[in-house]
Amino acid sequence: MRKLEQYKRIISIGDIHGHYDKAKELWEKIRFNDEEDLLIFHGDYIDRGAESVRTLQFVKSLVEGHENIIALKGNHEDFMQSFFDIYSIEDADWWNLYDLWLDPRNGGDVTLKQLSKIDRREFYKLLRFVQKLPLYLDLGEYLFVHAGVHPRKEHLADQTEHDFLWIRDKFLKYYRGKQTIVAGHTPVQYLYRKCTVPMMLSNNILLTDTGTAFGGELSAVNVRDLTYLQSGSTTDKWKKIDSEG
């Protein structure tokens, strides 16, 4: 069982959304040490960006190559898994199927085209990887999850998959737990339009998604000291996160 005190740094990376170049750049800046660090990806590796398949392959290779890298499931991976629970990539008429994932606003249409062009064995490896992604990581003082938790449910066992992957407004508004919830899913711009960096909210919520899907930079947060790094920066110096309120 993992414990906080095992690691010098505990690093969370927000939603990548197919921006492989930003993910690769940030990974190199972090200088991850597998003996001392723990790194958590918060889901949504695919959709909306130009290189969803390459990004998913990159995250998969990091997880498989390092003991202390964990990739959580996001709602866009849930979109993908749910689609292939019903349809096969070999279906002759799959281009004509309507599915919420394929709505251009969600980006699954582009991801599906990319998946259709890779080797079938590679596709099924990626699908199995997505199917096995955990929903959360509980380290006691911190809970790492894609979207959040339902604030009216006292015990973690009472939370549903939908809570972990999709919740937003109820979580942000009503959560009052002592455990710090580290989440992606909700871009910081959803709360503060001009914000571009990770946010520590006054109700023990740490938001790591800095709007990469919509042109923002990709962020990594060291939750041990509330510092962050971003892609697109000319420095690899970690900066301090300002707390809300």
C-alpha atoms as a PDB file:
ATOM      1  CA  MET A   1       0.000   0.000   0.000  1.00  0.00           C
ATOM      2  CA  ARG A   2       1.376   3.392  -0.995  1.00  0.00           C
ATOM      3  CA  LYS A   3       1.971   6.030   1.688  1.00  0.00           C
ATOM      4  CA  LEU A   4       2.703   9.746   1.486  1.00  0.00           C
ATOM      5  CA  GLU A   5       5.974   9.524   3.380  1.00  0.00           C
ATOM      6  CA  GLN A   6       7.456   7.163   0.776  1.00  0.00           C
ATOM      7  CA  TYR A   7       7.984   9.981  -1.714  1.00  0.00           C
ATOM      8  CA  LYS A   8       9.948  13.219  -1.868  1.00  0.00           C
ATOM      9  CA  ARG A   9       7.647  14.514  -4.606  1.00  0.00           C
ATOM     10  CA  ILE A  10       4.069  13.593  -5.458  1.00  0.00           C
ATOM     11  CA  ILE A  11       3.351  15.034  -8.886  1.00  0.00           C
ATOM     12  CA  SER A  12      -0.063  15.378 -10.513  1.00  0.00           C
ATOM     13  CA  ILE A  13      -0.453  16.115 -14.209  1.00  0.00           C
ATOM     14  CA  GLY A  14      -3.732  17.525 -15.477  1.00  0.00           C
ATOM     15  CA  ASP A  15      -5.744  16.649 -18.575  1.00  0.00           C
ATOM     16  CA  ILE A  16      -3.571  16.277 -21.696  1.00  0.00           C
ATOM     17  CA  HIS A  17      -6.316  15.902 -24.325  1.00  0.00           C
ATOM     18  CA  GLY A  18      -4.161  14.728 -27.190  1.00  0.00           C
ATOM     19  CA  HIS A  19      -1.427  17.347 -26.859  1.00  0.00           C
ATOM     20  CA  TYR A  20       1.500  14.977 -27.069  1.00  0.00           C
ATOM     21  CA  ASP A  21       4.069  17.713 -27.611  1.00  0.00           C
ATOM     22  CA  LYS A  22       3.125  19.431 -24.356  1.00  0.00           C
ATOM     23  CA  ALA A  23       3.106  16.135 -22.465  1.00  0.00           C
ATOM     24  CA  LYS A  24       6.559  15.182 -23.764  1.00  0.00           C
ATOM     25  CA  GLU A  25       7.960  18.622 -22.954  1.00  0.00           C
ATOM     26  CA  LEU A  26       6.551  18.592 -19.425  1.00  0.00           C
ATOM     27  CA  TRP A  27       7.772  15.053 -18.801  1.00  0.00           C
ATOM     28  CA  GLU A  28      11.329  16.072 -19.677  1.00  0.00           C
ATOM     29  CA  LYS A  29      11.153  19.153 -17.425  1.00  0.00           C
ATOM     30  CA  ILE A  30       9.991  17.152 -14.412  1.00  0.00           C
ATOM     31  CA  ARG A  31      13.098  14.928 -14.328  1.00  0.00           C
ATOM     32  CA  PHE A  32      11.148  12.119 -12.698  1.00  0.00           C
ATOM     33  CA  ASN A  33      12.995   9.845 -10.274  1.00  0.00           C
ATOM     34  CA  ASP A  34      11.283   6.460  -9.997  1.00  0.00           C
ATOM     35  CA  GLU A  35      12.961   5.731  -6.648  1.00  0.00           C
ATOM     36  CA  GLU A  36      11.858   8.932  -4.922  1.00  0.00           C
ATOM     37  CA  ASP A  37       8.852  10.330  -6.787  1.00  0.00           C
ATOM     38  CA  LEU A  38       5.243   9.373  -7.410  1.00  0.00           C
ATOM     39  CA  LEU A  39       3.543  10.720 -10.517  1.00  0.00           C
ATOM     40  CA  ILE A  40      -0.205  10.618 -11.162  1.00  0.00           C
ATOM     41  CA  PHE A  41      -1.830  11.356 -14.510  1.00  0.00           C
ATOM     42  CA  HIS A  42      -5.411  12.525 -13.973  1.00  0.00           C
ATOM     43  CA  GLY A  43      -7.055  11.140 -17.113  1.00  0.00           C
ATOM     44  CA  ASP A  44      -8.374  12.587 -20.376  1.00  0.00           C
ATOM     45  CA  TYR A  45      -5.355  11.644 -22.455  1.00  0.00           C
ATOM     46  CA  ILE A  46      -7.417  11.661 -25.641  1.00  0.00           C
ATOM     47  CA  ASP A  47      -9.790  13.868 -27.681  1.00  0.00           C
ATOM     48  CA  ARG A  48      -9.735  17.515 -28.761  1.00  0.00           C
ATOM     49  CA  GLY A  49      -5.986  17.588 -29.427  1.00  0.00           C
ATOM     50  CA  ALA A  50      -4.256  16.526 -32.631  1.00  0.00           C
ATOM     51  CA  GLU A  51      -2.410  13.432 -31.339  1.00  0.00           C
ATOM     52  CA  SER A  52      -4.719  11.396 -29.127  1.00  0.00           C
ATOM     53  CA  VAL A  53      -3.343   7.978 -30.027  1.00  0.00           C
ATOM     54  CA  ARG A  54       0.266   9.076 -29.675  1.00  0.00           C
ATOM     55  CA  THR A  55      -0.512  10.633 -26.295  1.00  0.00           C
ATOM     56  CA  LEU A  56      -2.265   7.497 -25.048  1.00  0.00           C
ATOM     57  CA  GLN A  57       0.681   5.383 -26.214  1.00  0.00           C
ATOM     58  CA  PHE A  58       3.062   7.730 -24.429  1.00  0.00           C
ATOM     59  CA  VAL A  59       1.197   7.547 -21.119  1.00  0.00           C
ATOM     60  CA  LYS A  60       0.883   3.766 -21.427  1.00  0.00           C
ATOM     61  CA  SER A  61       4.647   3.408 -22.004  1.00  0.00           C
ATOM     62  CA  LEU A  62       5.430   5.539 -18.941  1.00  0.00           C
ATOM     63  CA  VAL A  63       3.094   3.526 -16.714  1.00  0.00           C
ATOM     64  CA  GLU A  64       4.514   0.226 -17.945  1.00  0.00           C
ATOM     65  CA  GLY A  65       8.109   1.429 -17.640  1.00  0.00           C
ATOM     66  CA  HIS A  66       7.957   2.905 -14.133  1.00  0.00           C
ATOM     67  CA  GLU A  67       6.859   1.469 -10.813  1.00  0.00           C
ATOM     68  CA  ASN A  68       5.722   4.829  -9.448  1.00  0.00           C
ATOM     69  CA  ILE A  69       3.698   6.280 -12.311  1.00  0.00           C
ATOM     70  CA  ILE A  70      -0.078   5.852 -12.167  1.00  0.00           C
ATOM     71  CA  ALA A  71      -2.587   6.815 -14.842  1.00  0.00           C
ATOM     72  CA  LEU A  72      -6.170   7.362 -13.728  1.00  0.00           C
ATOM     73  CA  LYS A  73      -9.216   7.053 -15.956  1.00  0.00           C
ATOM     74  CA  GLY A  74     -10.899  10.211 -17.232  1.00  0.00           C
ATOM     75  CA  ASN A  75     -14.367  10.719 -18.619  1.00  0.00           C
ATOM     76  CA  HIS A  76     -13.001  10.772 -22.174  1.00  0.00           C
ATOM     77  CA  GLU A  77     -11.452   7.343 -21.671  1.00  0.00           C
ATOM     78  CA  ASP A  78     -14.864   6.338 -20.350  1.00  0.00           C
ATOM     79  CA  PHE A  79     -16.383   7.691 -23.575  1.00  0.00           C
ATOM     80  CA  MET A  80     -13.982   5.554 -25.597  1.00  0.00           C
ATOM     81  CA  GLN A  81     -14.489   2.402 -23.531  1.00  0.00           C
ATOM     82  CA  SER A  82     -18.278   2.748 -23.622  1.00  0.00           C
ATOM     83  CA  PHE A  83     -18.211   3.149 -27.395  1.00  0.00           C
ATOM     84  CA  PHE A  84     -16.217  -0.048 -27.887  1.00  0.00           C
ATOM     85  CA  ASP A  85     -18.394  -1.911 -25.412  1.00  0.00           C
ATOM     86  CA  ILE A  86     -21.072  -1.581 -28.099  1.00  0.00           C
ATOM     87  CA  TYR A  87     -19.298  -1.210 -31.421  1.00  0.00           C
ATOM     88  CA  SER A  88     -16.342  -2.904 -33.030  1.00  0.00           C
ATOM     89  CA  ILE A  89     -13.627  -1.020 -34.807  1.00  0.00           C
ATOM     90  CA  GLU A  90     -14.063  -3.523 -37.622  1.00  0.00           C
ATOM     91  CA  ASP A  91     -17.716  -2.528 -38.215  1.00  0.00           C
ATOM     92  CA  ALA A  92     -18.111  -1.560 -41.845  1.00  0.00           C
ATOM     93  CA  ASP A  93     -20.603   1.212 -41.126  1.00  0.00           C
ATOM     94  CA  TRP A  94     -19.105   2.622 -37.935  1.00  0.00           C
ATOM     95  CA  TRP A  95     -18.469   6.008 -39.563  1.00  0.00           C
ATOM     96  CA  ASN A  96     -22.247   6.500 -39.695  1.00  0.00           C
ATOM     97  CA  LEU A  97     -22.874   5.656 -36.057  1.00  0.00           C
ATOM     98  CA  TYR A  98     -24.122   8.359 -33.740  1.00  0.00           C
ATOM     99  CA  ASP A  99     -22.540   8.377 -30.330  1.00  0.00           C
ATOM    100  CA  LEU A 100     -21.938  11.218 -27.892  1.00  0.00           C
ATOM    101  CA  TRP A 101     -18.206  10.501 -28.009  1.00  0.00           C
ATOM    102  CA  LEU A 102     -18.204  11.194 -31.760  1.00  0.00           C
ATOM    103  CA  ASP A 103     -19.702  14.658 -31.359  1.00  0.00           C
ATOM    104  CA  PRO A 104     -17.003  17.046 -32.672  1.00  0.00           C
ATOM    105  CA  ARG A 105     -17.335  19.076 -29.467  1.00  0.00           C
ATOM    106  CA  ASN A 106     -16.059  16.040 -27.562  1.00  0.00           C
ATOM    107  CA  GLY A 107     -13.397  15.113 -30.082  1.00  0.00           C
ATOM    108  CA  GLY A 108     -13.977  11.380 -30.320  1.00  0.00           C
ATOM    109  CA  ASP A 109     -14.532  11.562 -34.078  1.00  0.00           C
ATOM    110  CA  VAL A 110     -10.884  12.501 -34.646  1.00  0.00           C
ATOM    111  CA  THR A 111      -9.617   9.992 -32.086  1.00  0.00           C
ATOM    112  CA  LEU A 112     -11.616   7.214 -33.721  1.00  0.00           C
ATOM    113  CA  LYS A 113     -10.109   7.999 -37.117  1.00  0.00           C
ATOM    114  CA  GLN A 114      -6.641   7.787 -35.609  1.00  0.00           C
ATOM    115  CA  LEU A 115      -7.408   4.492 -33.876  1.00  0.00           C
ATOM    116  CA  SER A 116      -8.691   3.015 -37.136  1.00  0.00           C
ATOM    117  CA  LYS A 117      -5.304   3.605 -38.786  1.00  0.00           C
ATOM    118  CA  ILE A 118      -3.089   1.780 -36.292  1.00  0.00           C
ATOM    119  CA  ASP A 119      -2.285  -1.924 -36.187  1.00  0.00           C
ATOM    120  CA  ARG A 120      -5.196  -3.900 -34.719  1.00  0.00           C
ATOM    121  CA  ARG A 121      -2.996  -5.565 -32.116  1.00  0.00           C
ATOM    122  CA  GLU A 122      -1.844  -2.143 -30.966  1.00  0.00           C
ATOM    123  CA  PHE A 123      -5.436  -0.932 -30.859  1.00  0.00           C
ATOM    124  CA  TYR A 124      -6.520  -3.781 -28.594  1.00  0.00           C
ATOM    125  CA  LYS A 125      -3.530  -3.193 -26.312  1.00  0.00           C
ATOM    126  CA  LEU A 126      -4.591   0.435 -25.925  1.00  0.00           C
ATOM    127  CA  LEU A 127      -8.196  -0.563 -25.314  1.00  0.00           C
ATOM    128  CA  ARG A 128      -7.191  -3.044 -22.608  1.00  0.00           C
ATOM    129  CA  PHE A 129      -5.016  -0.368 -21.033  1.00  0.00           C
ATOM    130  CA  VAL A 130      -7.976   2.020 -20.919  1.00  0.00           C
ATOM    131  CA  GLN A 131     -10.280  -0.656 -19.496  1.00  0.00           C
ATOM    132  CA  LYS A 132      -7.900  -1.316 -16.584  1.00  0.00           C
ATOM    133  CA  LEU A 133      -7.254   2.299 -15.600  1.00  0.00           C
ATOM    134  CA  PRO A 134      -8.059   2.919 -11.903  1.00  0.00           C
ATOM    135  CA  LEU A 135     -10.634   5.519 -10.899  1.00  0.00           C
ATOM    136  CA  TYR A 136      -8.715   7.034  -7.995  1.00  0.00           C
ATOM    137  CA  LEU A 137      -5.691   6.828  -5.734  1.00  0.00           C
ATOM    138  CA  ASP A 138      -6.230   7.266  -1.995  1.00  0.00           C
ATOM    139  CA  LEU A 139      -3.170   8.374  -0.021  1.00  0.00           C
ATOM    140  CA  GLY A 140      -5.000   9.324   3.141  1.00  0.00           C
ATOM    141  CA  GLU A 141      -4.392  13.052   3.331  1.00  0.00           C
ATOM    142  CA  TYR A 142      -4.900  13.291  -0.431  1.00  0.00           C
ATOM    143  CA  LEU A 143      -7.324  11.662  -2.850  1.00  0.00           C
ATOM    144  CA  PHE A 144      -6.342  11.752  -6.525  1.00  0.00           C
ATOM    145  CA  VAL A 145      -9.212  11.460  -8.996  1.00  0.00           C
ATOM    146  CA  HIS A 146     -10.264  12.712 -12.394  1.00  0.00           C
ATOM    147  CA  ALA A 147     -13.402  14.744 -11.675  1.00  0.00           C
ATOM    148  CA  GLY A 148     -14.056  14.691  -7.926  1.00  0.00           C
ATOM    149  CA  VAL A 149     -16.365  13.120  -5.369  1.00  0.00           C
ATOM    150  CA  HIS A 150     -20.014  13.544  -4.469  1.00  0.00           C
ATOM    151  CA  PRO A 151     -20.034  15.831  -1.406  1.00  0.00           C
ATOM    152  CA  ARG A 152     -23.122  14.203   0.126  1.00  0.00           C
ATOM    153  CA  LYS A 153     -21.541  10.741   0.268  1.00  0.00           C
ATOM    154  CA  GLU A 154     -19.490  10.324   3.416  1.00  0.00           C
ATOM    155  CA  HIS A 155     -17.596   7.158   2.508  1.00  0.00           C
ATOM    156  CA  LEU A 156     -15.400   6.526  -0.507  1.00  0.00           C
ATOM    157  CA  ALA A 157     -17.130   3.175  -1.063  1.00  0.00           C
ATOM    158  CA  ASP A 158     -20.408   5.023  -1.621  1.00  0.00           C
ATOM    159  CA  GLN A 159     -19.042   6.992  -4.562  1.00  0.00           C
ATOM    160  CA  THR A 160     -19.959   5.781  -8.046  1.00  0.00           C
ATOM    161  CA  GLU A 161     -17.884   5.611 -11.207  1.00  0.00           C
ATOM    162  CA  HIS A 162     -19.979   8.485 -12.526  1.00  0.00           C
ATOM    163  CA  ASP A 163     -19.009  10.587  -9.491  1.00  0.00           C
ATOM    164  CA  PHE A 164     -15.303   9.969  -9.972  1.00  0.00           C
ATOM    165  CA  LEU A 165     -15.381  10.636 -13.720  1.00  0.00           C
ATOM    166  CA  TRP A 166     -18.063  13.246 -14.334  1.00  0.00           C
ATOM    167  CA  ILE A 167     -19.048  15.291 -11.278  1.00  0.00           C
ATOM    168  CA  ARG A 168     -18.385  19.018 -11.364  1.00  0.00           C
ATOM    169  CA  ASP A 169     -20.625  21.726  -9.908  1.00  0.00           C
ATOM    170  CA  LYS A 170     -21.899  19.867  -6.836  1.00  0.00           C
ATOM    171  CA  PHE A 171     -18.347  18.850  -5.975  1.00  0.00           C
ATOM    172  CA  LEU A 172     -16.862  22.303  -6.447  1.00  0.00           C
ATOM    173  CA  LYS A 173     -19.627  24.084  -4.571  1.00  0.00           C
ATOM    174  CA  TYR A 174     -20.447  21.750  -1.688  1.00  0.00           C
ATOM    175  CA  TYR A 175     -17.338  19.695  -0.879  1.00  0.00           C
ATOM    176  CA  ARG A 176     -16.230  20.362   2.712  1.00  0.00           C
ATOM    177  CA  GLY A 177     -14.110  17.322   3.535  1.00  0.00           C
ATOM    178  CA  LYS A 178     -10.790  17.399   5.379  1.00  0.00           C
ATOM    179  CA  GLN A 179      -9.132  15.255   2.714  1.00  0.00           C
ATOM    180  CA  THR A 180      -7.573  17.288  -0.094  1.00  0.00           C
ATOM    181  CA  ILE A 181      -9.055  16.212  -3.430  1.00  0.00           C
ATOM    182  CA  VAL A 182      -6.611  16.559  -6.316  1.00  0.00           C
ATOM    183  CA  ALA A 183      -8.579  16.590  -9.562  1.00  0.00           C
ATOM    184  CA  GLY A 184      -8.495  17.376 -13.250  1.00  0.00           C
ATOM    185  CA  HIS A 185     -11.621  17.518 -15.431  1.00  0.00           C
ATOM    186  CA  THR A 186     -12.651  21.091 -14.621  1.00  0.00           C
ATOM    187  CA  PRO A 187     -10.374  23.647 -16.296  1.00  0.00           C
ATOM    188  CA  VAL A 188      -9.422  26.458 -13.948  1.00  0.00           C
ATOM    189  CA  GLN A 189     -10.935  28.849 -16.498  1.00  0.00           C
ATOM    190  CA  TYR A 190     -14.339  27.401 -15.628  1.00  0.00           C
ATOM    191  CA  LEU A 191     -14.075  29.226 -12.299  1.00  0.00           C
ATOM    192  CA  TYR A 192     -11.843  32.145 -13.227  1.00  0.00           C
ATOM    193  CA  ARG A 193     -11.797  32.972 -16.924  1.00  0.00           C
ATOM    194  CA  LYS A 194      -8.352  34.574 -16.951  1.00  0.00           C
ATOM    195  CA  CYS A 195      -6.654  31.976 -14.754  1.00  0.00           C
ATOM    196  CA  THR A 196      -3.886  29.973 -16.449  1.00  0.00           C
ATOM    197  CA  VAL A 197      -2.280  28.057 -13.560  1.00  0.00           C
ATOM    198  CA  PRO A 198      -3.328  25.307 -11.107  1.00  0.00           C
ATOM    199  CA  MET A 199      -5.583  26.409  -8.249  1.00  0.00           C
ATOM    200  CA  MET A 200      -5.889  25.437  -4.597  1.00  0.00           C
ATOM    201  CA  LEU A 201      -9.472  26.208  -3.596  1.00  0.00           C
ATOM    202  CA  SER A 202     -10.499  27.201  -0.101  1.00  0.00           C
ATOM    203  CA  ASN A 203     -12.502  23.967   0.348  1.00  0.00           C
ATOM    204  CA  ASN A 204      -9.549  21.577  -0.028  1.00  0.00           C
ATOM    205  CA  ILE A 205      -9.800  21.056  -3.792  1.00  0.00           C
ATOM    206  CA  LEU A 206      -6.665  21.265  -5.917  1.00  0.00           C
ATOM    207  CA  LEU A 207      -7.427  21.721  -9.622  1.00  0.00           C
ATOM    208  CA  THR A 208      -4.721  20.637 -12.061  1.00  0.00           C
ATOM    209  CA  ASP A 209      -6.458  21.111 -15.433  1.00  0.00           C
ATOM    210  CA  THR A 210      -5.250  24.421 -16.858  1.00  0.00           C
ATOM    211  CA  GLY A 211      -7.216  24.258 -20.092  1.00  0.00           C
ATOM    212  CA  THR A 212      -4.844  22.355 -22.356  1.00  0.00           C
ATOM    213  CA  ALA A 213      -7.826  21.212 -24.438  1.00  0.00           C
ATOM    214  CA  PHE A 214      -8.653  24.827 -25.250  1.00  0.00           C
ATOM    215  CA  GLY A 215      -5.219  26.273 -25.909  1.00  0.00           C
ATOM    216  CA  GLY A 216      -3.816  26.468 -22.367  1.00  0.00           C
ATOM    217  CA  GLU A 217      -0.580  24.946 -21.156  1.00  0.00           C
ATOM    218  CA  LEU A 218      -0.255  21.515 -19.530  1.00  0.00           C
ATOM    219  CA  SER A 219       0.543  21.635 -15.826  1.00  0.00           C
ATOM    220  CA  ALA A 220       2.269  19.423 -13.274  1.00  0.00           C
ATOM    221  CA  VAL A 221       1.737  20.044  -9.554  1.00  0.00           C
ATOM    222  CA  ASN A 222       3.897  18.833  -6.691  1.00  0.00           C
ATOM    223  CA  VAL A 223       1.238  18.418  -4.011  1.00  0.00           C
ATOM    224  CA  ARG A 224       3.835  18.118  -1.240  1.00  0.00           C
ATOM    225  CA  ASP A 225       4.762  21.802  -1.454  1.00  0.00           C
ATOM    226  CA  LEU A 226       2.052  23.198  -3.776  1.00  0.00           C
ATOM    227  CA  THR A 227       4.400  24.154  -6.576  1.00  0.00           C
ATOM    228  CA  TYR A 228       3.861  23.711 -10.311  1.00  0.00           C
ATOM    229  CA  LEU A 229       5.564  23.489 -13.689  1.00  0.00           C
ATOM    230  CA  GLN A 230       4.010  24.133 -17.098  1.00  0.00           C
ATOM    231  CA  SER A 231       4.705  23.379 -20.719  1.00  0.00           C
ATOM    232  CA  GLY A 232       5.551  26.392 -22.826  1.00  0.00           C
ATOM    233  CA  SER A 233       7.694  27.931 -20.109  1.00  0.00           C
ATOM    234  CA  THR A 234      11.314  28.838 -20.737  1.00  0.00           C
ATOM    235  CA  THR A 235      12.257  27.704 -17.221  1.00  0.00           C
ATOM    236  CA  ASP A 236      12.076  24.418 -15.343  1.00  0.00           C
ATOM    237  CA  LYS A 237      11.818  26.197 -11.991  1.00  0.00           C
ATOM    238  CA  TRP A 238       8.811  25.166  -9.916  1.00  0.00           C
ATOM    239  CA  LYS A 239       6.548  28.074  -8.951  1.00  0.00           C
ATOM    240  CA  LYS A 240       4.326  28.443  -5.896  1.00  0.00           C
ATOM    241  CA  ILE A 241       0.542  28.027  -6.291  1.00  0.00           C
ATOM    242  CA  ASP A 242      -1.597  30.855  -4.940  1.00  0.00           C
ATOM    243  CA  SER A 243      -4.473  29.698  -2.746  1.00  0.00           C
ATOM    244  CA  GLU A 244      -8.005  30.929  -3.295  1.00  0.00           C
ATOM    245  CA  GLY A 245      -9.569  33.226  -0.763  1.00  0.00           C
END
